Amino acid sequence: MNKTVRIKDIAEKAGVSIGTVDRVLHNRGEVKAATKEKVMAIAEKLNYKPNIAARVLKSSTTYKIAVLIPLCQGDNQFWSKHPIGIKQGQEAIYPYSSKIEFFYYEMHNPTDFMRQASALIEWQPNGVIIAPILKNESIELCHKLDDLETPYAFLDTHIDHTNALTFVGEDAYQGGRVAASLVDTGVQSDKDILIVNIAKNLENIQHLNLRNQGFLSYFMDVGKNNALKISIEIENTDEQTVKSALDRVLTNNPNIGGVMVSSSRTYVIADYLEKAKRQDLFLVGYEVFGKNSFFLQQRTINFLINQRPIEQGEKTFKVLIDYLTQNSIPEKKVYQPIDIVNQENVGHL
């Protein structure tokens, strides 16, 4: 029996996306002439025949997907990556059609979160992707979506005891333990360790709490370091605010030998350490992008833990679409690999 040739097969042969092949075959959107010729030649060689039923299906249903994620602000580029992955996922769902609307909220602003959540509900989506950084407000939104029978999936952060279809992201607790194991190898056993949380109202930030719990649990279980673990909370990245907080804690605790930053804003602490000429401190943090990468290459940051945000966004979108189109029930938790990155391998990501 001859195998049915799919658009996916043509895309793989041509080395382009499914969306590009779709645009070429159905003559919509702009595609480079050379790419168009290549795609058409491969389609002809494979004897591609369009799936009429699929085309009818595509034209009849467009799934509205709302995405609620933090606004990418300043030098913290972490949240600029997820939309790239989500849009890549959108390109790969032929023959289905979707419309994506992004609702961005200020990271530590509960009022803005609820404002964007209200706008999201008013848009009446078929499905929702949420980065539930603010725990209490996210639970409130989940209850509203449950009442509307609108399915939703969590991205980056998980909240227990909700009806989320799935969670795609880092095992934050285990990520904290990995960070602890790195600090444990780079800091003398009698040197204190500083945990820096750059956040407002840390109790409401689920993934940072889990990372901290995992970090401390490692030292209670197997860690060699038996000195103090000192935790501080810095409410914003203002340079003077950061300097005042770190000057105070380092002056009062001169035995500190290592620092773990629980969020992607590790570059803020690295910048302080460079200016204070304190590169003797072993520094571990999260996420590879922009200034984090720069300070890693400078060896001011010793290790970063990376959770592949683009891949995370694409996977979450696909899981939600599969549920909407095929009633495919996903795993409750889809953990991303925990990548350990240092100066030697940062250029190979």
C-alpha atoms as a PDB file:
ATOM      1  CA  MET A   1       0.000   0.000   0.000  1.00  0.00           C
ATOM      2  CA  ASN A   2       1.331   3.450  -0.926  1.00  0.00           C
ATOM      3  CA  LYS A   3       1.954   5.692   2.023  1.00  0.00           C
ATOM      4  CA  THR A   4      -0.011   8.944   2.085  1.00  0.00           C
ATOM      5  CA  VAL A   5       2.371  11.864   1.727  1.00  0.00           C
ATOM      6  CA  ARG A   6       1.813  14.505   4.373  1.00  0.00           C
ATOM      7  CA  ILE A   7       2.837  18.146   4.514  1.00  0.00           C
ATOM      8  CA  LYS A   8       5.088  17.133   7.409  1.00  0.00           C
ATOM      9  CA  ASP A   9       6.987  14.765   5.069  1.00  0.00           C
ATOM     10  CA  ILE A  10       7.590  17.548   2.558  1.00  0.00           C
ATOM     11  CA  ALA A  11       8.734  19.902   5.332  1.00  0.00           C
ATOM     12  CA  GLU A  12      11.265  17.376   6.609  1.00  0.00           C
ATOM     13  CA  LYS A  13      12.664  16.771   3.127  1.00  0.00           C
ATOM     14  CA  ALA A  14      12.893  20.507   2.381  1.00  0.00           C
ATOM     15  CA  GLY A  15      14.289  21.420   5.793  1.00  0.00           C
ATOM     16  CA  VAL A  16      11.610  24.034   6.420  1.00  0.00           C
ATOM     17  CA  SER A  17       8.651  24.389   8.776  1.00  0.00           C
ATOM     18  CA  ILE A  18       5.223  22.872   8.191  1.00  0.00           C
ATOM     19  CA  GLY A  19       3.825  26.402   8.080  1.00  0.00           C
ATOM     20  CA  THR A  20       6.158  27.317   5.207  1.00  0.00           C
ATOM     21  CA  VAL A  21       5.059  24.265   3.191  1.00  0.00           C
ATOM     22  CA  ASP A  22       1.423  25.107   3.894  1.00  0.00           C
ATOM     23  CA  ARG A  23       1.925  28.667   2.594  1.00  0.00           C
ATOM     24  CA  VAL A  24       3.616  27.397  -0.583  1.00  0.00           C
ATOM     25  CA  LEU A  25       1.050  24.698  -1.402  1.00  0.00           C
ATOM     26  CA  HIS A  26      -1.930  26.945  -0.755  1.00  0.00           C
ATOM     27  CA  ASN A  27      -0.337  30.097  -2.212  1.00  0.00           C
ATOM     28  CA  ARG A  28      -0.758  32.330   0.805  1.00  0.00           C
ATOM     29  CA  GLY A  29       1.808  34.515   2.516  1.00  0.00           C
ATOM     30  CA  GLU A  30       5.274  35.467   1.333  1.00  0.00           C
ATOM     31  CA  VAL A  31       7.905  32.756   0.799  1.00  0.00           C
ATOM     32  CA  LYS A  32      11.331  33.185  -0.835  1.00  0.00           C
ATOM     33  CA  ALA A  33      11.343  32.108  -4.476  1.00  0.00           C
ATOM     34  CA  ALA A  34      14.138  29.566  -3.943  1.00  0.00           C
ATOM     35  CA  THR A  35      12.288  27.984  -1.016  1.00  0.00           C
ATOM     36  CA  LYS A  36       9.046  27.890  -2.979  1.00  0.00           C
ATOM     37  CA  GLU A  37      10.731  26.128  -5.919  1.00  0.00           C
ATOM     38  CA  LYS A  38      12.367  23.603  -3.599  1.00  0.00           C
ATOM     39  CA  VAL A  39       9.093  22.791  -1.798  1.00  0.00           C
ATOM     40  CA  MET A  40       7.139  22.435  -5.058  1.00  0.00           C
ATOM     41  CA  ALA A  41       9.808  20.147  -6.530  1.00  0.00           C
ATOM     42  CA  ILE A  42       9.762  17.866  -3.495  1.00  0.00           C
ATOM     43  CA  ALA A  43       5.945  17.817  -3.450  1.00  0.00           C
ATOM     44  CA  GLU A  44       5.903  16.778  -7.101  1.00  0.00           C
ATOM     45  CA  LYS A  45       8.594  14.142  -6.576  1.00  0.00           C
ATOM     46  CA  LEU A  46       6.672  12.639  -3.638  1.00  0.00           C
ATOM     47  CA  ASN A  47       3.425  12.764  -5.649  1.00  0.00           C
ATOM     48  CA  TYR A  48       1.716  14.817  -2.957  1.00  0.00           C
ATOM     49  CA  LYS A  49      -2.084  14.972  -3.124  1.00  0.00           C
ATOM     50  CA  PRO A  50      -3.957  17.390  -0.841  1.00  0.00           C
ATOM     51  CA  ASN A  51      -6.228  15.948   1.814  1.00  0.00           C
ATOM     52  CA  ILE A  52      -9.557  17.526   0.876  1.00  0.00           C
ATOM     53  CA  ALA A  53     -11.244  16.467   4.115  1.00  0.00           C
ATOM     54  CA  ALA A  54      -8.459  18.033   6.148  1.00  0.00           C
ATOM     55  CA  ARG A  55      -8.741  21.276   4.187  1.00  0.00           C
ATOM     56  CA  VAL A  56     -12.467  21.433   4.886  1.00  0.00           C
ATOM     57  CA  LEU A  57     -11.769  20.799   8.557  1.00  0.00           C
ATOM     58  CA  LYS A  58      -9.133  23.524   8.607  1.00  0.00           C
ATOM     59  CA  SER A  59     -11.471  26.077   7.144  1.00  0.00           C
ATOM     60  CA  SER A  60     -14.346  25.237   9.460  1.00  0.00           C
ATOM     61  CA  THR A  61     -12.731  25.560  12.906  1.00  0.00           C
ATOM     62  CA  THR A  62     -10.314  28.099  14.335  1.00  0.00           C
ATOM     63  CA  TYR A  63      -9.272  27.515  17.935  1.00  0.00           C
ATOM     64  CA  LYS A  64      -8.791  30.624  20.044  1.00  0.00           C
ATOM     65  CA  ILE A  65      -5.839  30.182  22.419  1.00  0.00           C
ATOM     66  CA  ALA A  66      -5.192  32.779  25.116  1.00  0.00           C
ATOM     67  CA  VAL A  67      -1.724  33.004  26.667  1.00  0.00           C
ATOM     68  CA  LEU A  68      -1.204  34.732  30.022  1.00  0.00           C
ATOM     69  CA  ILE A  69       2.491  35.249  30.775  1.00  0.00           C
ATOM     70  CA  PRO A  70       4.705  37.887  32.418  1.00  0.00           C
ATOM     71  CA  LEU A  71       5.735  40.938  30.457  1.00  0.00           C
ATOM     72  CA  CYS A  72       9.353  40.859  29.288  1.00  0.00           C
ATOM     73  CA  GLN A  73      10.923  43.879  30.982  1.00  0.00           C
ATOM     74  CA  GLY A  74      14.385  45.438  30.847  1.00  0.00           C
ATOM     75  CA  ASP A  75      17.349  43.098  30.731  1.00  0.00           C
ATOM     76  CA  ASN A  76      15.375  40.044  31.836  1.00  0.00           C
ATOM     77  CA  GLN A  77      14.781  38.365  28.473  1.00  0.00           C
ATOM     78  CA  PHE A  78      13.547  35.026  29.820  1.00  0.00           C
ATOM     79  CA  TRP A  79       9.873  35.749  29.068  1.00  0.00           C
ATOM     80  CA  SER A  80      10.650  36.828  25.507  1.00  0.00           C
ATOM     81  CA  LYS A  81      11.401  33.186  24.645  1.00  0.00           C
ATOM     82  CA  HIS A  82       8.077  31.451  25.363  1.00  0.00           C
ATOM     83  CA  PRO A  83       6.073  33.298  22.658  1.00  0.00           C
ATOM     84  CA  ILE A  84       8.633  32.106  20.090  1.00  0.00           C
ATOM     85  CA  GLY A  85       7.969  28.487  21.054  1.00  0.00           C
ATOM     86  CA  ILE A  86       4.201  28.971  21.162  1.00  0.00           C
ATOM     87  CA  LYS A  87       4.229  30.450  17.649  1.00  0.00           C
ATOM     88  CA  GLN A  88       6.400  27.556  16.450  1.00  0.00           C
ATOM     89  CA  GLY A  89       3.783  25.203  17.861  1.00  0.00           C
ATOM     90  CA  GLN A  90       1.082  27.103  15.994  1.00  0.00           C
ATOM     91  CA  GLU A  91       2.920  26.549  12.693  1.00  0.00           C
ATOM     92  CA  ALA A  92       3.032  22.786  13.251  1.00  0.00           C
ATOM     93  CA  ILE A  93      -0.668  22.017  13.791  1.00  0.00           C
ATOM     94  CA  TYR A  94      -1.873  21.745  10.167  1.00  0.00           C
ATOM     95  CA  PRO A  95      -4.649  20.959   9.211  1.00  0.00           C
ATOM     96  CA  TYR A  96      -6.006  22.753  12.273  1.00  0.00           C
ATOM     97  CA  SER A  97      -6.192  26.521  12.530  1.00  0.00           C
ATOM     98  CA  SER A  98      -5.664  28.650  15.617  1.00  0.00           C
ATOM     99  CA  LYS A  99      -5.637  32.252  16.698  1.00  0.00           C
ATOM    100  CA  ILE A 100      -3.330  33.208  19.569  1.00  0.00           C
ATOM    101  CA  GLU A 101      -3.847  36.234  21.786  1.00  0.00           C
ATOM    102  CA  PHE A 102      -1.121  37.130  24.303  1.00  0.00           C
ATOM    103  CA  PHE A 103      -2.072  38.789  27.591  1.00  0.00           C
ATOM    104  CA  TYR A 104       1.035  40.142  29.369  1.00  0.00           C
ATOM    105  CA  TYR A 105       1.106  41.047  33.054  1.00  0.00           C
ATOM    106  CA  GLU A 106       3.752  42.791  35.153  1.00  0.00           C
ATOM    107  CA  MET A 107       5.693  40.042  36.934  1.00  0.00           C
ATOM    108  CA  HIS A 108       5.004  40.970  40.568  1.00  0.00           C
ATOM    109  CA  ASN A 109       1.835  43.022  40.155  1.00  0.00           C
ATOM    110  CA  PRO A 110      -1.285  41.122  41.334  1.00  0.00           C
ATOM    111  CA  THR A 111      -3.593  43.935  40.215  1.00  0.00           C
ATOM    112  CA  ASP A 112      -2.227  43.831  36.684  1.00  0.00           C
ATOM    113  CA  PHE A 113      -2.459  40.039  36.649  1.00  0.00           C
ATOM    114  CA  MET A 114      -6.173  40.174  37.473  1.00  0.00           C
ATOM    115  CA  ARG A 115      -6.733  42.967  34.927  1.00  0.00           C
ATOM    116  CA  GLN A 116      -5.196  40.849  32.182  1.00  0.00           C
ATOM    117  CA  ALA A 117      -7.042  37.748  33.410  1.00  0.00           C
ATOM    118  CA  SER A 118     -10.366  39.608  33.085  1.00  0.00           C
ATOM    119  CA  ALA A 119      -9.495  40.680  29.535  1.00  0.00           C
ATOM    120  CA  LEU A 120      -8.587  37.068  28.744  1.00  0.00           C
ATOM    121  CA  ILE A 121     -11.946  35.748  29.927  1.00  0.00           C
ATOM    122  CA  GLU A 122     -13.770  38.461  27.992  1.00  0.00           C
ATOM    123  CA  TRP A 123     -12.003  37.253  24.812  1.00  0.00           C
ATOM    124  CA  GLN A 124     -13.743  33.850  25.300  1.00  0.00           C
ATOM    125  CA  PRO A 125     -10.905  31.505  24.307  1.00  0.00           C
ATOM    126  CA  ASN A 126     -11.253  27.792  23.592  1.00  0.00           C
ATOM    127  CA  GLY A 127      -8.167  27.074  25.673  1.00  0.00           C
ATOM    128  CA  VAL A 128      -5.694  28.933  27.886  1.00  0.00           C
ATOM    129  CA  ILE A 129      -1.973  28.739  28.609  1.00  0.00           C
ATOM    130  CA  ILE A 130      -1.028  30.274  31.969  1.00  0.00           C
ATOM    131  CA  ALA A 131       2.294  31.039  33.607  1.00  0.00           C
ATOM    132  CA  PRO A 132       0.890  31.065  37.156  1.00  0.00           C
ATOM    133  CA  ILE A 133       3.758  32.953  38.815  1.00  0.00           C
ATOM    134  CA  LEU A 134       1.409  34.633  41.301  1.00  0.00           C
ATOM    135  CA  LYS A 135      -0.133  31.703  43.138  1.00  0.00           C
ATOM    136  CA  ASN A 136      -3.190  33.250  44.790  1.00  0.00           C
ATOM    137  CA  GLU A 137      -4.326  35.213  41.732  1.00  0.00           C
ATOM    138  CA  SER A 138      -3.702  32.230  39.454  1.00  0.00           C
ATOM    139  CA  ILE A 139      -5.912  30.005  41.604  1.00  0.00           C
ATOM    140  CA  GLU A 140      -8.680  32.604  41.360  1.00  0.00           C
ATOM    141  CA  LEU A 141      -8.381  32.600  37.565  1.00  0.00           C
ATOM    142  CA  CYS A 142      -8.425  28.793  37.480  1.00  0.00           C
ATOM    143  CA  HIS A 143     -11.720  28.763  39.385  1.00  0.00           C
ATOM    144  CA  LYS A 144     -13.248  31.133  36.816  1.00  0.00           C
ATOM    145  CA  LEU A 145     -12.020  28.983  33.922  1.00  0.00           C
ATOM    146  CA  ASP A 146     -13.388  25.872  35.646  1.00  0.00           C
ATOM    147  CA  ASP A 147     -16.812  27.544  35.893  1.00  0.00           C
ATOM    148  CA  LEU A 148     -16.641  28.335  32.161  1.00  0.00           C
ATOM    149  CA  GLU A 149     -15.438  24.791  31.371  1.00  0.00           C
ATOM    150  CA  THR A 150     -12.442  26.270  29.542  1.00  0.00           C
ATOM    151  CA  PRO A 151      -9.395  23.952  29.563  1.00  0.00           C
ATOM    152  CA  TYR A 152      -6.055  25.409  30.640  1.00  0.00           C
ATOM    153  CA  ALA A 153      -2.428  24.307  30.855  1.00  0.00           C
ATOM    154  CA  PHE A 154       0.369  25.581  33.077  1.00  0.00           C
ATOM    155  CA  LEU A 155       3.678  26.829  31.706  1.00  0.00           C
ATOM    156  CA  ASP A 156       6.914  27.243  33.749  1.00  0.00           C
ATOM    157  CA  THR A 157       5.201  27.022  37.162  1.00  0.00           C
ATOM    158  CA  HIS A 158       2.890  24.370  38.601  1.00  0.00           C
ATOM    159  CA  ILE A 159       0.152  24.815  41.194  1.00  0.00           C
ATOM    160  CA  ASP A 160      -1.250  21.737  42.915  1.00  0.00           C
ATOM    161  CA  HIS A 161      -4.952  21.134  43.528  1.00  0.00           C
ATOM    162  CA  THR A 162      -6.158  22.759  40.309  1.00  0.00           C
ATOM    163  CA  ASN A 163      -7.816  21.281  37.224  1.00  0.00           C
ATOM    164  CA  ALA A 164      -4.966  22.170  34.857  1.00  0.00           C
ATOM    165  CA  LEU A 165      -4.693  19.722  31.956  1.00  0.00           C
ATOM    166  CA  THR A 166      -0.942  19.591  32.332  1.00  0.00           C
ATOM    167  CA  PHE A 167       2.154  21.418  33.478  1.00  0.00           C
ATOM    168  CA  VAL A 168       5.187  21.795  31.193  1.00  0.00           C
ATOM    169  CA  GLY A 169       8.373  23.083  32.781  1.00  0.00           C
ATOM    170  CA  GLU A 170      11.110  22.530  35.288  1.00  0.00           C
ATOM    171  CA  ASP A 171      10.781  20.352  38.365  1.00  0.00           C
ATOM    172  CA  ALA A 172      11.495  23.397  40.532  1.00  0.00           C
ATOM    173  CA  TYR A 173      12.220  21.408  43.691  1.00  0.00           C
ATOM    174  CA  GLN A 174      14.709  19.194  41.868  1.00  0.00           C
ATOM    175  CA  GLY A 175      16.152  22.246  40.149  1.00  0.00           C
ATOM    176  CA  GLY A 176      16.884  23.673  43.591  1.00  0.00           C
ATOM    177  CA  ARG A 177      18.693  20.495  44.552  1.00  0.00           C
ATOM    178  CA  VAL A 178      20.773  20.651  41.374  1.00  0.00           C
ATOM    179  CA  ALA A 179      21.736  24.243  42.191  1.00  0.00           C
ATOM    180  CA  ALA A 180      22.711  23.132  45.700  1.00  0.00           C
ATOM    181  CA  SER A 181      24.915  20.332  44.379  1.00  0.00           C
ATOM    182  CA  LEU A 182      26.769  22.837  42.183  1.00  0.00           C
ATOM    183  CA  VAL A 183      27.286  25.271  45.061  1.00  0.00           C
ATOM    184  CA  ASP A 184      28.401  22.392  47.270  1.00  0.00           C
ATOM    185  CA  THR A 185      31.225  21.538  44.856  1.00  0.00           C
ATOM    186  CA  GLY A 186      32.418  25.138  44.526  1.00  0.00           C
ATOM    187  CA  VAL A 187      32.259  26.409  48.098  1.00  0.00           C
ATOM    188  CA  GLN A 188      34.324  25.276  51.060  1.00  0.00           C
ATOM    189  CA  SER A 189      32.357  23.241  53.584  1.00  0.00           C
ATOM    190  CA  ASP A 190      32.849  25.833  56.342  1.00  0.00           C
ATOM    191  CA  LYS A 191      31.782  28.833  54.240  1.00  0.00           C
ATOM    192  CA  ASP A 192      28.279  30.310  54.552  1.00  0.00           C
ATOM    193  CA  ILE A 193      25.940  30.293  51.546  1.00  0.00           C
ATOM    194  CA  LEU A 194      23.659  33.184  50.585  1.00  0.00           C
ATOM    195  CA  ILE A 195      20.270  32.564  48.904  1.00  0.00           C
ATOM    196  CA  VAL A 196      19.017  35.632  47.012  1.00  0.00           C
ATOM    197  CA  ASN A 197      15.353  35.944  46.042  1.00  0.00           C
ATOM    198  CA  ILE A 198      14.561  38.903  43.793  1.00  0.00           C
ATOM    199  CA  ALA A 199      10.810  39.094  44.307  1.00  0.00           C
ATOM    200  CA  LYS A 200       7.974  40.915  45.993  1.00  0.00           C
ATOM    201  CA  ASN A 201       5.929  38.787  48.388  1.00  0.00           C
ATOM    202  CA  LEU A 202       8.027  35.634  48.029  1.00  0.00           C
ATOM    203  CA  GLU A 203       5.332  33.483  49.682  1.00  0.00           C
ATOM    204  CA  ASN A 204       3.120  34.024  46.621  1.00  0.00           C
ATOM    205  CA  ILE A 205       5.816  32.964  44.095  1.00  0.00           C
ATOM    206  CA  GLN A 206       5.404  29.205  43.872  1.00  0.00           C
ATOM    207  CA  HIS A 207       8.413  28.160  41.775  1.00  0.00           C
ATOM    208  CA  LEU A 208      10.918  30.240  43.781  1.00  0.00           C
ATOM    209  CA  ASN A 209       9.685  28.706  47.007  1.00  0.00           C
ATOM    210  CA  LEU A 210      10.053  25.200  45.584  1.00  0.00           C
ATOM    211  CA  ARG A 211      13.587  25.925  44.376  1.00  0.00           C
ATOM    212  CA  ASN A 212      14.523  27.210  47.829  1.00  0.00           C
ATOM    213  CA  GLN A 213      13.019  24.143  49.489  1.00  0.00           C
ATOM    214  CA  GLY A 214      14.917  21.839  47.146  1.00  0.00           C
ATOM    215  CA  PHE A 215      18.127  23.776  47.690  1.00  0.00           C
ATOM    216  CA  LEU A 216      17.951  23.481  51.479  1.00  0.00           C
ATOM    217  CA  SER A 217      16.825  19.842  51.385  1.00  0.00           C
ATOM    218  CA  TYR A 218      20.006  18.869  49.526  1.00  0.00           C
ATOM    219  CA  PHE A 219      22.168  20.113  52.378  1.00  0.00           C
ATOM    220  CA  MET A 220      20.002  18.378  54.946  1.00  0.00           C
ATOM    221  CA  ASP A 221      20.342  15.100  53.027  1.00  0.00           C
ATOM    222  CA  VAL A 222      23.768  14.787  51.423  1.00  0.00           C
ATOM    223  CA  GLY A 223      25.510  18.179  51.221  1.00  0.00           C
ATOM    224  CA  LYS A 224      29.068  18.543  52.514  1.00  0.00           C
ATOM    225  CA  ASN A 225      28.663  22.191  53.408  1.00  0.00           C
ATOM    226  CA  ASN A 226      27.647  22.517  57.058  1.00  0.00           C
ATOM    227  CA  ALA A 227      27.840  26.296  57.474  1.00  0.00           C
ATOM    228  CA  LEU A 228      25.003  28.842  57.586  1.00  0.00           C
ATOM    229  CA  LYS A 229      22.415  29.192  54.809  1.00  0.00           C
ATOM    230  CA  ILE A 230      21.335  32.842  54.775  1.00  0.00           C
ATOM    231  CA  SER A 231      18.277  33.898  52.771  1.00  0.00           C
ATOM    232  CA  ILE A 232      17.388  37.438  51.714  1.00  0.00           C
ATOM    233  CA  GLU A 233      14.571  38.943  49.643  1.00  0.00           C
ATOM    234  CA  ILE A 234      15.213  41.931  47.359  1.00  0.00           C
ATOM    235  CA  GLU A 235      11.976  43.404  46.042  1.00  0.00           C
ATOM    236  CA  ASN A 236      13.272  44.846  42.753  1.00  0.00           C
ATOM    237  CA  THR A 237      16.335  45.124  40.500  1.00  0.00           C
ATOM    238  CA  ASP A 238      17.015  48.817  41.115  1.00  0.00           C
ATOM    239  CA  GLU A 239      20.803  49.088  41.358  1.00  0.00           C
ATOM    240  CA  GLN A 240      20.824  51.047  44.613  1.00  0.00           C
ATOM    241  CA  THR A 241      18.275  48.706  46.215  1.00  0.00           C
ATOM    242  CA  VAL A 242      20.393  45.690  45.275  1.00  0.00           C
ATOM    243  CA  LYS A 243      23.612  47.353  46.439  1.00  0.00           C
ATOM    244  CA  SER A 244      22.180  48.343  49.818  1.00  0.00           C
ATOM    245  CA  ALA A 245      20.819  44.843  50.487  1.00  0.00           C
ATOM    246  CA  LEU A 246      23.990  43.015  49.444  1.00  0.00           C
ATOM    247  CA  ASP A 247      26.364  45.484  51.123  1.00  0.00           C
ATOM    248  CA  ARG A 248      24.495  44.938  54.367  1.00  0.00           C
ATOM    249  CA  VAL A 249      24.355  41.137  54.251  1.00  0.00           C
ATOM    250  CA  LEU A 250      27.981  40.709  53.117  1.00  0.00           C
ATOM    251  CA  THR A 251      29.237  43.124  55.776  1.00  0.00           C
ATOM    252  CA  ASN A 252      27.260  41.399  58.517  1.00  0.00           C
ATOM    253  CA  ASN A 253      28.239  37.930  57.261  1.00  0.00           C
ATOM    254  CA  PRO A 254      31.882  38.051  56.112  1.00  0.00           C
ATOM    255  CA  ASN A 255      32.085  34.246  55.978  1.00  0.00           C
ATOM    256  CA  ILE A 256      29.835  33.971  52.890  1.00  0.00           C
ATOM    257  CA  GLY A 257      31.592  31.993  50.150  1.00  0.00           C
ATOM    258  CA  GLY A 258      28.802  31.300  47.659  1.00  0.00           C
ATOM    259  CA  VAL A 259      25.537  32.718  46.330  1.00  0.00           C
ATOM    260  CA  MET A 260      22.493  31.060  44.784  1.00  0.00           C
ATOM    261  CA  VAL A 261      20.004  33.311  42.968  1.00  0.00           C
ATOM    262  CA  SER A 262      16.610  31.599  42.794  1.00  0.00           C
ATOM    263  CA  SER A 263      15.381  33.389  39.651  1.00  0.00           C
ATOM    264  CA  SER A 264      16.490  34.274  36.141  1.00  0.00           C
ATOM    265  CA  ARG A 265      17.798  37.660  37.326  1.00  0.00           C
ATOM    266  CA  THR A 266      21.190  36.259  38.246  1.00  0.00           C
ATOM    267  CA  TYR A 267      22.854  38.956  36.124  1.00  0.00           C
ATOM    268  CA  VAL A 268      21.749  41.593  38.664  1.00  0.00           C
ATOM    269  CA  ILE A 269      23.823  39.947  41.379  1.00  0.00           C
ATOM    270  CA  ALA A 270      26.712  39.270  38.989  1.00  0.00           C
ATOM    271  CA  ASP A 271      26.805  42.970  38.081  1.00  0.00           C
ATOM    272  CA  TYR A 272      26.996  43.890  41.768  1.00  0.00           C
ATOM    273  CA  LEU A 273      29.795  41.386  42.439  1.00  0.00           C
ATOM    274  CA  GLU A 274      31.867  42.728  39.540  1.00  0.00           C
ATOM    275  CA  LYS A 275      31.488  46.335  40.673  1.00  0.00           C
ATOM    276  CA  ALA A 276      32.228  45.377  44.287  1.00  0.00           C
ATOM    277  CA  LYS A 277      35.237  43.320  43.127  1.00  0.00           C
ATOM    278  CA  ARG A 278      33.785  40.262  44.878  1.00  0.00           C
ATOM    279  CA  GLN A 279      34.375  37.695  42.155  1.00  0.00           C
ATOM    280  CA  ASP A 280      35.767  35.439  44.866  1.00  0.00           C
ATOM    281  CA  LEU A 281      32.160  34.404  45.556  1.00  0.00           C
ATOM    282  CA  PHE A 282      30.867  31.275  43.789  1.00  0.00           C
ATOM    283  CA  LEU A 283      27.656  32.226  41.957  1.00  0.00           C
ATOM    284  CA  VAL A 284      24.912  29.923  40.628  1.00  0.00           C
ATOM    285  CA  GLY A 285      21.597  30.969  39.088  1.00  0.00           C
ATOM    286  CA  TYR A 286      19.001  30.228  36.432  1.00  0.00           C
ATOM    287  CA  GLU A 287      18.392  30.686  32.696  1.00  0.00           C
ATOM    288  CA  VAL A 288      20.738  31.329  29.788  1.00  0.00           C
ATOM    289  CA  PHE A 289      20.081  34.602  27.950  1.00  0.00           C
ATOM    290  CA  GLY A 290      21.612  38.029  27.323  1.00  0.00           C
ATOM    291  CA  LYS A 291      23.376  39.388  30.398  1.00  0.00           C
ATOM    292  CA  ASN A 292      23.298  36.051  32.174  1.00  0.00           C
ATOM    293  CA  SER A 293      25.265  34.568  29.260  1.00  0.00           C
ATOM    294  CA  PHE A 294      27.666  37.526  29.303  1.00  0.00           C
ATOM    295  CA  PHE A 295      28.495  37.154  32.991  1.00  0.00           C
ATOM    296  CA  LEU A 296      28.794  33.381  32.569  1.00  0.00           C
ATOM    297  CA  GLN A 297      31.387  33.890  29.844  1.00  0.00           C
ATOM    298  CA  GLN A 298      33.168  36.364  32.136  1.00  0.00           C
ATOM    299  CA  ARG A 299      33.132  33.625  34.830  1.00  0.00           C
ATOM    300  CA  THR A 300      31.426  35.971  37.280  1.00  0.00           C
ATOM    301  CA  ILE A 301      28.570  33.467  37.154  1.00  0.00           C
ATOM    302  CA  ASN A 302      29.939  29.944  37.592  1.00  0.00           C
ATOM    303  CA  PHE A 303      26.873  27.922  36.571  1.00  0.00           C
ATOM    304  CA  LEU A 304      23.410  28.530  35.164  1.00  0.00           C
ATOM    305  CA  ILE A 305      20.527  26.060  35.175  1.00  0.00           C
ATOM    306  CA  ASN A 306      18.526  26.288  31.964  1.00  0.00           C
ATOM    307  CA  GLN A 307      14.976  25.027  31.307  1.00  0.00           C
ATOM    308  CA  ARG A 308      14.625  25.621  27.528  1.00  0.00           C
ATOM    309  CA  PRO A 309      11.794  28.193  27.455  1.00  0.00           C
ATOM    310  CA  ILE A 310      11.240  28.042  23.675  1.00  0.00           C
ATOM    311  CA  GLU A 311      10.772  24.276  23.781  1.00  0.00           C
ATOM    312  CA  GLN A 312       8.600  24.704  26.860  1.00  0.00           C
ATOM    313  CA  GLY A 313       6.247  27.071  25.038  1.00  0.00           C
ATOM    314  CA  GLU A 314       5.976  24.841  21.972  1.00  0.00           C
ATOM    315  CA  LYS A 315       5.229  21.720  24.020  1.00  0.00           C
ATOM    316  CA  THR A 316       2.530  23.443  26.080  1.00  0.00           C
ATOM    317  CA  PHE A 317       0.775  24.753  22.976  1.00  0.00           C
ATOM    318  CA  LYS A 318       0.844  21.304  21.335  1.00  0.00           C
ATOM    319  CA  VAL A 319      -0.578  19.576  24.407  1.00  0.00           C
ATOM    320  CA  LEU A 320      -3.470  22.040  24.583  1.00  0.00           C
ATOM    321  CA  ILE A 321      -4.248  21.801  20.852  1.00  0.00           C
ATOM    322  CA  ASP A 322      -4.118  17.987  20.935  1.00  0.00           C
ATOM    323  CA  TYR A 323      -6.674  18.049  23.730  1.00  0.00           C
ATOM    324  CA  LEU A 324      -8.976  20.447  21.880  1.00  0.00           C
ATOM    325  CA  THR A 325      -8.767  18.734  18.494  1.00  0.00           C
ATOM    326  CA  GLN A 326      -8.414  15.067  19.424  1.00  0.00           C
ATOM    327  CA  ASN A 327      -9.493  14.934  23.065  1.00  0.00           C
ATOM    328  CA  SER A 328      -6.000  13.628  23.808  1.00  0.00           C
ATOM    329  CA  ILE A 329      -5.486  13.473  27.582  1.00  0.00           C
ATOM    330  CA  PRO A 330      -1.917  14.565  28.442  1.00  0.00           C
ATOM    331  CA  GLU A 331       0.340  13.619  31.322  1.00  0.00           C
ATOM    332  CA  LYS A 332      -0.280  15.803  34.347  1.00  0.00           C
ATOM    333  CA  LYS A 333       3.354  16.917  34.533  1.00  0.00           C
ATOM    334  CA  VAL A 334       5.809  17.104  31.644  1.00  0.00           C
ATOM    335  CA  TYR A 335       9.194  17.982  33.087  1.00  0.00           C
ATOM    336  CA  GLN A 336      11.841  19.726  31.005  1.00  0.00           C
ATOM    337  CA  PRO A 337      15.443  18.491  31.206  1.00  0.00           C
ATOM    338  CA  ILE A 338      17.558  20.345  33.764  1.00  0.00           C
ATOM    339  CA  ASP A 339      20.493  21.681  31.730  1.00  0.00           C
ATOM    340  CA  ILE A 340      23.661  22.655  33.587  1.00  0.00           C
ATOM    341  CA  VAL A 341      25.571  25.351  31.701  1.00  0.00           C
ATOM    342  CA  ASN A 342      28.977  26.871  32.384  1.00  0.00           C
ATOM    343  CA  GLN A 343      31.502  28.967  30.467  1.00  0.00           C
ATOM    344  CA  GLU A 344      32.726  25.927  28.551  1.00  0.00           C
ATOM    345  CA  ASN A 345      29.428  24.868  26.963  1.00  0.00           C
ATOM    346  CA  VAL A 346      27.334  28.060  26.819  1.00  0.00           C
ATOM    347  CA  GLY A 347      28.258  28.605  23.174  1.00  0.00           C
ATOM    348  CA  HIS A 348      26.906  25.181  22.169  1.00  0.00           C
ATOM    349  CA  LEU A 349      23.287  25.645  23.289  1.00  0.00           C
END
